[in-house]
Amino acid sequence: MVTSIRVVVGIIASVVCVLLYTVPVLTFKRVIKEASVGEFSCLPYILALFSALTWGWYGFPVVSNGWENLSLFGTCSVGVFFELSFIIIYIWYAPREKKFVVLMVSLIMAILCVIVSFSTFTFHTHQMRKLFVGSIGIVTSMSMYSAPLVAVKQVMKTKSVEFMPFYLSLFSLLTSLMWTLYGILGRDPYITAPNSVGCLTGILQLVVYCIYSRCKDPPKTHDDIEKVISELEVAASLEDTNGCKP
């Protein structure tokens, strides 16, 4: 019974997670239209790629016992496709960041190769492989879930939710909730622990969004204030001039 429920939860989690992976399509559609990445950072997508690669390997039968985590493996495979696509688009429209992004992607691929080789040839039981890869997966997930805190900081600084799309925050929370339940049903602490943290960061993002989405106008800067004062002075002088006419 529990196994059947876990399968259903895994399917739902996969669907929600794929929707989460597709949310940045709107952002990159704007990037392509404007031919510029603007203030957007590629770091969250690089961390998401590393997380998808790590958890995809965790769900593969070499680490997991058979296809017990098929939903996780399939979802991460889709995630790798989307994240690589986003990173390629980012590199295309941000040539100045090209070297840094390529270096970071090369680094995580090298680390993945080490993880795959080490877990395959050093450990000889699924339990030990899950312990090794799952521990690394927890670290990568924590990094991925902490990445949106940069966007939260940007929102609080600019008082604008432009850099933290609502649906991205919403689906992030829903995904974390479903994978937490999936991990609990499977008694898998490696899946449960990081996604529990993801629930907290997801709630934080939604709270911040609700607060700052009411701020429709950007905060006035010192230059803006001076400009307004200057315009008022000009308007006042024009009124005086008109008043002196016979």
C-alpha atoms as a PDB file:
ATOM      1  CA  MET A   1       0.000   0.000   0.000  1.00  0.00           C
ATOM      2  CA  VAL A   2       2.746   2.434   0.991  1.00  0.00           C
ATOM      3  CA  THR A   3       4.722   1.488  -2.121  1.00  0.00           C
ATOM      4  CA  SER A   4       1.723   2.232  -4.359  1.00  0.00           C
ATOM      5  CA  ILE A   5       1.150   5.591  -2.692  1.00  0.00           C
ATOM      6  CA  ARG A   6       4.852   6.388  -3.074  1.00  0.00           C
ATOM      7  CA  VAL A   7       4.664   5.631  -6.801  1.00  0.00           C
ATOM      8  CA  VAL A   8       1.691   7.981  -7.198  1.00  0.00           C
ATOM      9  CA  VAL A   9       3.415  10.701  -5.148  1.00  0.00           C
ATOM     10  CA  GLY A  10       6.551  10.198  -7.245  1.00  0.00           C
ATOM     11  CA  ILE A  11       4.581  10.729 -10.456  1.00  0.00           C
ATOM     12  CA  ILE A  12       2.937  13.883  -9.082  1.00  0.00           C
ATOM     13  CA  ALA A  13       6.314  15.145  -7.851  1.00  0.00           C
ATOM     14  CA  SER A  14       7.801  14.508 -11.294  1.00  0.00           C
ATOM     15  CA  VAL A  15       5.043  16.474 -13.048  1.00  0.00           C
ATOM     16  CA  VAL A  16       5.352  19.429 -10.655  1.00  0.00           C
ATOM     17  CA  CYS A  17       9.143  19.335 -10.883  1.00  0.00           C
ATOM     18  CA  VAL A  18       9.071  19.367 -14.694  1.00  0.00           C
ATOM     19  CA  LEU A  19       6.776  22.393 -14.506  1.00  0.00           C
ATOM     20  CA  LEU A  20       9.354  24.001 -12.220  1.00  0.00           C
ATOM     21  CA  TYR A  21      12.069  23.322 -14.789  1.00  0.00           C
ATOM     22  CA  THR A  22       9.947  24.979 -17.498  1.00  0.00           C
ATOM     23  CA  VAL A  23       9.192  28.170 -15.531  1.00  0.00           C
ATOM     24  CA  PRO A  24      12.488  29.907 -16.541  1.00  0.00           C
ATOM     25  CA  VAL A  25      11.393  29.540 -20.182  1.00  0.00           C
ATOM     26  CA  LEU A  26       9.504  32.827 -19.705  1.00  0.00           C
ATOM     27  CA  THR A  27      12.656  34.499 -18.407  1.00  0.00           C
ATOM     28  CA  PHE A  28      14.807  33.252 -21.276  1.00  0.00           C
ATOM     29  CA  LYS A  29      12.142  34.149 -23.803  1.00  0.00           C
ATOM     30  CA  ARG A  30      12.595  37.703 -22.575  1.00  0.00           C
ATOM     31  CA  VAL A  31      16.392  37.327 -22.734  1.00  0.00           C
ATOM     32  CA  ILE A  32      16.190  36.221 -26.375  1.00  0.00           C
ATOM     33  CA  LYS A  33      13.758  39.026 -27.220  1.00  0.00           C
ATOM     34  CA  GLU A  34      15.955  41.706 -25.640  1.00  0.00           C
ATOM     35  CA  ALA A  35      19.217  39.975 -26.671  1.00  0.00           C
ATOM     36  CA  SER A  36      20.517  40.615 -23.156  1.00  0.00           C
ATOM     37  CA  VAL A  37      20.602  38.768 -19.821  1.00  0.00           C
ATOM     38  CA  GLY A  38      20.294  42.050 -17.934  1.00  0.00           C
ATOM     39  CA  GLU A  39      20.796  41.578 -14.189  1.00  0.00           C
ATOM     40  CA  PHE A  40      20.008  37.861 -14.207  1.00  0.00           C
ATOM     41  CA  SER A  41      22.636  35.488 -12.816  1.00  0.00           C
ATOM     42  CA  CYS A  42      23.493  32.089 -14.299  1.00  0.00           C
ATOM     43  CA  LEU A  43      24.578  30.667 -10.947  1.00  0.00           C
ATOM     44  CA  PRO A  44      21.141  29.240  -9.977  1.00  0.00           C
ATOM     45  CA  TYR A  45      20.968  27.314 -13.264  1.00  0.00           C
ATOM     46  CA  ILE A  46      24.493  25.939 -12.840  1.00  0.00           C
ATOM     47  CA  LEU A  47      23.663  24.768  -9.312  1.00  0.00           C
ATOM     48  CA  ALA A  48      20.373  23.304 -10.558  1.00  0.00           C
ATOM     49  CA  LEU A  49      22.280  21.404 -13.270  1.00  0.00           C
ATOM     50  CA  PHE A  50      24.703  19.978 -10.714  1.00  0.00           C
ATOM     51  CA  SER A  51      21.809  18.976  -8.464  1.00  0.00           C
ATOM     52  CA  ALA A  52      19.926  17.304 -11.341  1.00  0.00           C
ATOM     53  CA  LEU A  53      23.035  15.373 -12.408  1.00  0.00           C
ATOM     54  CA  THR A  54      23.778  14.219  -8.864  1.00  0.00           C
ATOM     55  CA  TRP A  55      20.226  13.123  -8.075  1.00  0.00           C
ATOM     56  CA  GLY A  56      19.868  11.544 -11.491  1.00  0.00           C
ATOM     57  CA  TRP A  57      22.861   9.347 -10.652  1.00  0.00           C
ATOM     58  CA  TYR A  58      21.344   8.676  -7.213  1.00  0.00           C
ATOM     59  CA  GLY A  59      18.145   7.402  -8.868  1.00  0.00           C
ATOM     60  CA  PHE A  60      20.063   5.202 -11.339  1.00  0.00           C
ATOM     61  CA  PRO A  61      20.086   1.440 -10.499  1.00  0.00           C
ATOM     62  CA  VAL A  62      23.850   1.476  -9.906  1.00  0.00           C
ATOM     63  CA  VAL A  63      23.230   3.510  -6.739  1.00  0.00           C
ATOM     64  CA  SER A  64      19.580   2.829  -5.925  1.00  0.00           C
ATOM     65  CA  ASN A  65      18.260  -0.679  -5.521  1.00  0.00           C
ATOM     66  CA  GLY A  66      16.827  -1.397  -8.963  1.00  0.00           C
ATOM     67  CA  TRP A  67      14.379   1.219 -10.233  1.00  0.00           C
ATOM     68  CA  GLU A  68      13.023   2.136  -6.804  1.00  0.00           C
ATOM     69  CA  ASN A  69      13.688   5.790  -7.652  1.00  0.00           C
ATOM     70  CA  LEU A  70      12.635   5.735 -11.299  1.00  0.00           C
ATOM     71  CA  SER A  71      10.577   8.913 -10.863  1.00  0.00           C
ATOM     72  CA  LEU A  72      13.617  10.724  -9.516  1.00  0.00           C
ATOM     73  CA  PHE A  73      15.875   9.540 -12.351  1.00  0.00           C
ATOM     74  CA  GLY A  74      13.376  10.448 -15.079  1.00  0.00           C
ATOM     75  CA  THR A  75      12.696  13.881 -13.637  1.00  0.00           C
ATOM     76  CA  CYS A  76      16.384  14.697 -13.274  1.00  0.00           C
ATOM     77  CA  SER A  77      17.027  13.640 -16.870  1.00  0.00           C
ATOM     78  CA  VAL A  78      14.472  16.193 -18.039  1.00  0.00           C
ATOM     79  CA  GLY A  79      16.010  18.734 -15.660  1.00  0.00           C
ATOM     80  CA  VAL A  80      19.484  18.258 -17.132  1.00  0.00           C
ATOM     81  CA  PHE A  81      18.089  18.966 -20.616  1.00  0.00           C
ATOM     82  CA  PHE A  82      16.379  22.194 -19.530  1.00  0.00           C
ATOM     83  CA  GLU A  83      19.246  23.505 -17.408  1.00  0.00           C
ATOM     84  CA  LEU A  84      21.794  22.898 -20.164  1.00  0.00           C
ATOM     85  CA  SER A  85      19.516  24.712 -22.615  1.00  0.00           C
ATOM     86  CA  PHE A  86      19.221  27.716 -20.297  1.00  0.00           C
ATOM     87  CA  ILE A  87      22.969  27.834 -19.705  1.00  0.00           C
ATOM     88  CA  ILE A  88      23.700  27.728 -23.449  1.00  0.00           C
ATOM     89  CA  ILE A  89      21.274  30.610 -24.075  1.00  0.00           C
ATOM     90  CA  TYR A  90      22.849  32.563 -21.215  1.00  0.00           C
ATOM     91  CA  ILE A  91      26.336  32.088 -22.648  1.00  0.00           C
ATOM     92  CA  TRP A  92      25.127  33.220 -26.077  1.00  0.00           C
ATOM     93  CA  TYR A  93      23.688  36.483 -24.791  1.00  0.00           C
ATOM     94  CA  ALA A  94      26.294  37.168 -22.099  1.00  0.00           C
ATOM     95  CA  PRO A  95      29.676  36.856 -23.859  1.00  0.00           C
ATOM     96  CA  ARG A  96      31.490  38.599 -21.008  1.00  0.00           C
ATOM     97  CA  GLU A  97      30.409  35.842 -18.608  1.00  0.00           C
ATOM     98  CA  LYS A  98      31.220  33.043 -21.061  1.00  0.00           C
ATOM     99  CA  LYS A  99      34.565  32.020 -19.555  1.00  0.00           C
ATOM    100  CA  PHE A 100      33.215  31.947 -16.003  1.00  0.00           C
ATOM    101  CA  VAL A 101      30.109  29.935 -16.925  1.00  0.00           C
ATOM    102  CA  VAL A 102      32.051  27.439 -19.054  1.00  0.00           C
ATOM    103  CA  LEU A 103      34.588  27.040 -16.258  1.00  0.00           C
ATOM    104  CA  MET A 104      31.838  26.382 -13.683  1.00  0.00           C
ATOM    105  CA  VAL A 105      30.043  23.869 -15.917  1.00  0.00           C
ATOM    106  CA  SER A 106      33.332  22.088 -16.684  1.00  0.00           C
ATOM    107  CA  LEU A 107      34.074  21.958 -12.956  1.00  0.00           C
ATOM    108  CA  ILE A 108      30.757  20.359 -12.019  1.00  0.00           C
ATOM    109  CA  MET A 109      31.081  17.829 -14.867  1.00  0.00           C
ATOM    110  CA  ALA A 110      34.536  16.878 -13.607  1.00  0.00           C
ATOM    111  CA  ILE A 111      33.185  16.520 -10.065  1.00  0.00           C
ATOM    112  CA  LEU A 112      30.334  14.355 -11.378  1.00  0.00           C
ATOM    113  CA  CYS A 113      32.812  12.062 -13.134  1.00  0.00           C
ATOM    114  CA  VAL A 114      34.695  11.651  -9.872  1.00  0.00           C
ATOM    115  CA  ILE A 115      31.447  10.896  -8.004  1.00  0.00           C
ATOM    116  CA  VAL A 116      30.358   8.319 -10.588  1.00  0.00           C
ATOM    117  CA  SER A 117      33.752   6.597 -10.696  1.00  0.00           C
ATOM    118  CA  PHE A 118      34.239   6.612  -6.928  1.00  0.00           C
ATOM    119  CA  SER A 119      30.740   5.330  -6.114  1.00  0.00           C
ATOM    120  CA  THR A 120      30.903   2.633  -8.803  1.00  0.00           C
ATOM    121  CA  PHE A 121      34.319   1.128  -8.150  1.00  0.00           C
ATOM    122  CA  THR A 122      34.944   1.888  -4.463  1.00  0.00           C
ATOM    123  CA  PHE A 123      31.622   0.934  -2.853  1.00  0.00           C
ATOM    124  CA  HIS A 124      30.082  -2.454  -3.554  1.00  0.00           C
ATOM    125  CA  THR A 125      26.663  -2.214  -1.880  1.00  0.00           C
ATOM    126  CA  HIS A 126      23.647  -0.043  -2.679  1.00  0.00           C
ATOM    127  CA  GLN A 127      23.520   1.132   0.923  1.00  0.00           C
ATOM    128  CA  MET A 128      27.064   2.512   0.874  1.00  0.00           C
ATOM    129  CA  ARG A 129      26.597   4.042  -2.586  1.00  0.00           C
ATOM    130  CA  LYS A 130      23.390   5.754  -1.465  1.00  0.00           C
ATOM    131  CA  LEU A 131      25.173   7.052   1.620  1.00  0.00           C
ATOM    132  CA  PHE A 132      27.999   8.511  -0.466  1.00  0.00           C
ATOM    133  CA  VAL A 133      25.982   9.956  -3.354  1.00  0.00           C
ATOM    134  CA  GLY A 134      23.058  10.952  -1.124  1.00  0.00           C
ATOM    135  CA  SER A 135      25.337  12.943   1.179  1.00  0.00           C
ATOM    136  CA  ILE A 136      26.732  14.839  -1.809  1.00  0.00           C
ATOM    137  CA  GLY A 137      23.185  15.281  -3.115  1.00  0.00           C
ATOM    138  CA  ILE A 138      22.162  16.918   0.151  1.00  0.00           C
ATOM    139  CA  VAL A 139      24.985  19.449  -0.225  1.00  0.00           C
ATOM    140  CA  THR A 140      24.087  20.220  -3.854  1.00  0.00           C
ATOM    141  CA  SER A 141      20.402  20.589  -2.994  1.00  0.00           C
ATOM    142  CA  MET A 142      21.203  22.901  -0.106  1.00  0.00           C
ATOM    143  CA  SER A 143      23.249  25.017  -2.525  1.00  0.00           C
ATOM    144  CA  MET A 144      20.430  25.043  -5.059  1.00  0.00           C
ATOM    145  CA  TYR A 145      17.809  25.992  -2.477  1.00  0.00           C
ATOM    146  CA  SER A 146      20.047  28.708  -1.042  1.00  0.00           C
ATOM    147  CA  ALA A 147      20.570  30.265  -4.493  1.00  0.00           C
ATOM    148  CA  PRO A 148      17.111  31.941  -4.515  1.00  0.00           C
ATOM    149  CA  LEU A 149      18.158  33.814  -1.376  1.00  0.00           C
ATOM    150  CA  VAL A 150      20.255  35.960  -3.737  1.00  0.00           C
ATOM    151  CA  ALA A 151      17.042  36.874  -5.552  1.00  0.00           C
ATOM    152  CA  VAL A 152      15.334  37.553  -2.223  1.00  0.00           C
ATOM    153  CA  LYS A 153      18.140  39.949  -1.312  1.00  0.00           C
ATOM    154  CA  GLN A 154      17.798  41.657  -4.708  1.00  0.00           C
ATOM    155  CA  VAL A 155      14.048  42.041  -4.214  1.00  0.00           C
ATOM    156  CA  MET A 156      14.501  43.574  -0.769  1.00  0.00           C
ATOM    157  CA  LYS A 157      17.176  45.917  -2.108  1.00  0.00           C
ATOM    158  CA  THR A 158      15.288  47.125  -5.172  1.00  0.00           C
ATOM    159  CA  LYS A 159      11.773  46.696  -3.715  1.00  0.00           C
ATOM    160  CA  SER A 160      10.849  45.026  -6.996  1.00  0.00           C
ATOM    161  CA  VAL A 161       9.860  41.375  -7.615  1.00  0.00           C
ATOM    162  CA  GLU A 162      11.157  41.490 -11.197  1.00  0.00           C
ATOM    163  CA  PHE A 163      14.067  39.183 -10.386  1.00  0.00           C
ATOM    164  CA  MET A 164      11.968  36.606  -8.499  1.00  0.00           C
ATOM    165  CA  PRO A 165       9.084  35.308 -10.668  1.00  0.00           C
ATOM    166  CA  PHE A 166       6.023  34.215  -8.672  1.00  0.00           C
ATOM    167  CA  TYR A 167       5.486  30.901 -10.450  1.00  0.00           C
ATOM    168  CA  LEU A 168       9.128  29.945  -9.981  1.00  0.00           C
ATOM    169  CA  SER A 169       8.762  30.414  -6.224  1.00  0.00           C
ATOM    170  CA  LEU A 170       5.396  28.636  -6.139  1.00  0.00           C
ATOM    171  CA  PHE A 171       6.485  25.552  -8.069  1.00  0.00           C
ATOM    172  CA  SER A 172       9.712  25.445  -6.062  1.00  0.00           C
ATOM    173  CA  LEU A 173       7.656  25.129  -2.881  1.00  0.00           C
ATOM    174  CA  LEU A 174       5.271  22.547  -4.386  1.00  0.00           C
ATOM    175  CA  THR A 175       8.178  20.485  -5.710  1.00  0.00           C
ATOM    176  CA  SER A 176       9.901  20.481  -2.329  1.00  0.00           C
ATOM    177  CA  LEU A 177       6.680  19.432  -0.592  1.00  0.00           C
ATOM    178  CA  MET A 178       6.055  16.511  -2.947  1.00  0.00           C
ATOM    179  CA  TRP A 179       9.643  15.223  -2.849  1.00  0.00           C
ATOM    180  CA  THR A 180       9.640  15.524   0.954  1.00  0.00           C
ATOM    181  CA  LEU A 181       6.551  13.321   1.084  1.00  0.00           C
ATOM    182  CA  TYR A 182       8.142  10.956  -1.446  1.00  0.00           C
ATOM    183  CA  GLY A 183      11.230  10.644   0.750  1.00  0.00           C
ATOM    184  CA  ILE A 184       9.190  10.093   3.911  1.00  0.00           C
ATOM    185  CA  LEU A 185       7.151   7.303   2.295  1.00  0.00           C
ATOM    186  CA  GLY A 186      10.342   5.631   1.089  1.00  0.00           C
ATOM    187  CA  ARG A 187      12.113   6.231   4.422  1.00  0.00           C
ATOM    188  CA  ASP A 188      14.866   7.932   2.471  1.00  0.00           C
ATOM    189  CA  PRO A 189      16.546  10.646   4.593  1.00  0.00           C
ATOM    190  CA  TYR A 190      18.735  11.773   1.674  1.00  0.00           C
ATOM    191  CA  ILE A 191      15.668  12.883  -0.272  1.00  0.00           C
ATOM    192  CA  THR A 192      13.653  14.086   2.719  1.00  0.00           C
ATOM    193  CA  ALA A 193      16.258  16.318   4.406  1.00  0.00           C
ATOM    194  CA  PRO A 194      17.173  18.759   1.595  1.00  0.00           C
ATOM    195  CA  ASN A 195      13.615  19.077   0.346  1.00  0.00           C
ATOM    196  CA  SER A 196      12.445  19.970   3.850  1.00  0.00           C
ATOM    197  CA  VAL A 197      14.857  22.906   3.671  1.00  0.00           C
ATOM    198  CA  GLY A 198      13.486  23.658   0.205  1.00  0.00           C
ATOM    199  CA  CYS A 199      10.015  23.980   1.744  1.00  0.00           C
ATOM    200  CA  LEU A 200      11.300  26.655   4.120  1.00  0.00           C
ATOM    201  CA  THR A 201      13.068  28.678   1.394  1.00  0.00           C
ATOM    202  CA  GLY A 202       9.999  28.347  -0.840  1.00  0.00           C
ATOM    203  CA  ILE A 203       7.754  29.761   1.874  1.00  0.00           C
ATOM    204  CA  LEU A 204      10.253  32.591   2.444  1.00  0.00           C
ATOM    205  CA  GLN A 205      10.223  33.503  -1.260  1.00  0.00           C
ATOM    206  CA  LEU A 206       6.426  33.622  -1.381  1.00  0.00           C
ATOM    207  CA  VAL A 207       6.249  35.771   1.753  1.00  0.00           C
ATOM    208  CA  VAL A 208       8.794  38.233   0.329  1.00  0.00           C
ATOM    209  CA  TYR A 209       6.948  38.267  -3.004  1.00  0.00           C
ATOM    210  CA  CYS A 210       3.628  39.058  -1.311  1.00  0.00           C
ATOM    211  CA  ILE A 211       5.233  41.918   0.618  1.00  0.00           C
ATOM    212  CA  TYR A 212       7.104  43.580  -2.247  1.00  0.00           C
ATOM    213  CA  SER A 213       4.626  42.873  -5.066  1.00  0.00           C
ATOM    214  CA  ARG A 214       2.601  45.766  -3.628  1.00  0.00           C
ATOM    215  CA  CYS A 215       5.465  48.137  -4.401  1.00  0.00           C
ATOM    216  CA  LYS A 216       4.483  48.988  -7.967  1.00  0.00           C
ATOM    217  CA  ASP A 217       6.728  52.031  -8.320  1.00  0.00           C
ATOM    218  CA  PRO A 218      10.516  51.860  -7.862  1.00  0.00           C
ATOM    219  CA  PRO A 219      11.885  53.795  -4.889  1.00  0.00           C
ATOM    220  CA  LYS A 220      12.856  57.409  -5.594  1.00  0.00           C
ATOM    221  CA  THR A 221      16.563  58.051  -5.720  1.00  0.00           C
ATOM    222  CA  HIS A 222      18.335  61.289  -4.885  1.00  0.00           C
ATOM    223  CA  ASP A 223      18.659  62.106  -8.604  1.00  0.00           C
ATOM    224  CA  ASP A 224      14.956  61.469  -9.128  1.00  0.00           C
ATOM    225  CA  ILE A 225      14.053  63.861  -6.318  1.00  0.00           C
ATOM    226  CA  GLU A 226      16.327  66.562  -7.714  1.00  0.00           C
ATOM    227  CA  LYS A 227      14.774  66.096 -11.158  1.00  0.00           C
ATOM    228  CA  VAL A 228      11.251  66.496  -9.759  1.00  0.00           C
ATOM    229  CA  ILE A 229      12.255  69.631  -7.847  1.00  0.00           C
ATOM    230  CA  SER A 230      13.827  71.091 -10.995  1.00  0.00           C
ATOM    231  CA  GLU A 231      10.669  70.396 -13.006  1.00  0.00           C
ATOM    232  CA  LEU A 232       8.540  72.036 -10.327  1.00  0.00           C
ATOM    233  CA  GLU A 233      10.775  75.122 -10.377  1.00  0.00           C
ATOM    234  CA  VAL A 234      10.486  75.372 -14.169  1.00  0.00           C
ATOM    235  CA  ALA A 235       6.715  75.000 -13.966  1.00  0.00           C
ATOM    236  CA  ALA A 236       6.542  77.685 -11.283  1.00  0.00           C
ATOM    237  CA  SER A 237       8.659  80.122 -13.356  1.00  0.00           C
ATOM    238  CA  LEU A 238       6.404  79.545 -16.368  1.00  0.00           C
ATOM    239  CA  GLU A 239       3.355  80.298 -14.276  1.00  0.00           C
ATOM    240  CA  ASP A 240       5.019  83.541 -13.055  1.00  0.00           C
ATOM    241  CA  THR A 241       5.835  84.510 -16.642  1.00  0.00           C
ATOM    242  CA  ASN A 242       2.283  83.876 -17.778  1.00  0.00           C
ATOM    243  CA  GLY A 243       1.021  85.902 -14.868  1.00  0.00           C
ATOM    244  CA  CYS A 244       3.100  88.950 -15.956  1.00  0.00           C
ATOM    245  CA  LYS A 245       1.536  89.058 -19.411  1.00  0.00           C
ATOM    246  CA  PRO A 246      -0.899  91.968 -20.041  1.00  0.00           C
END
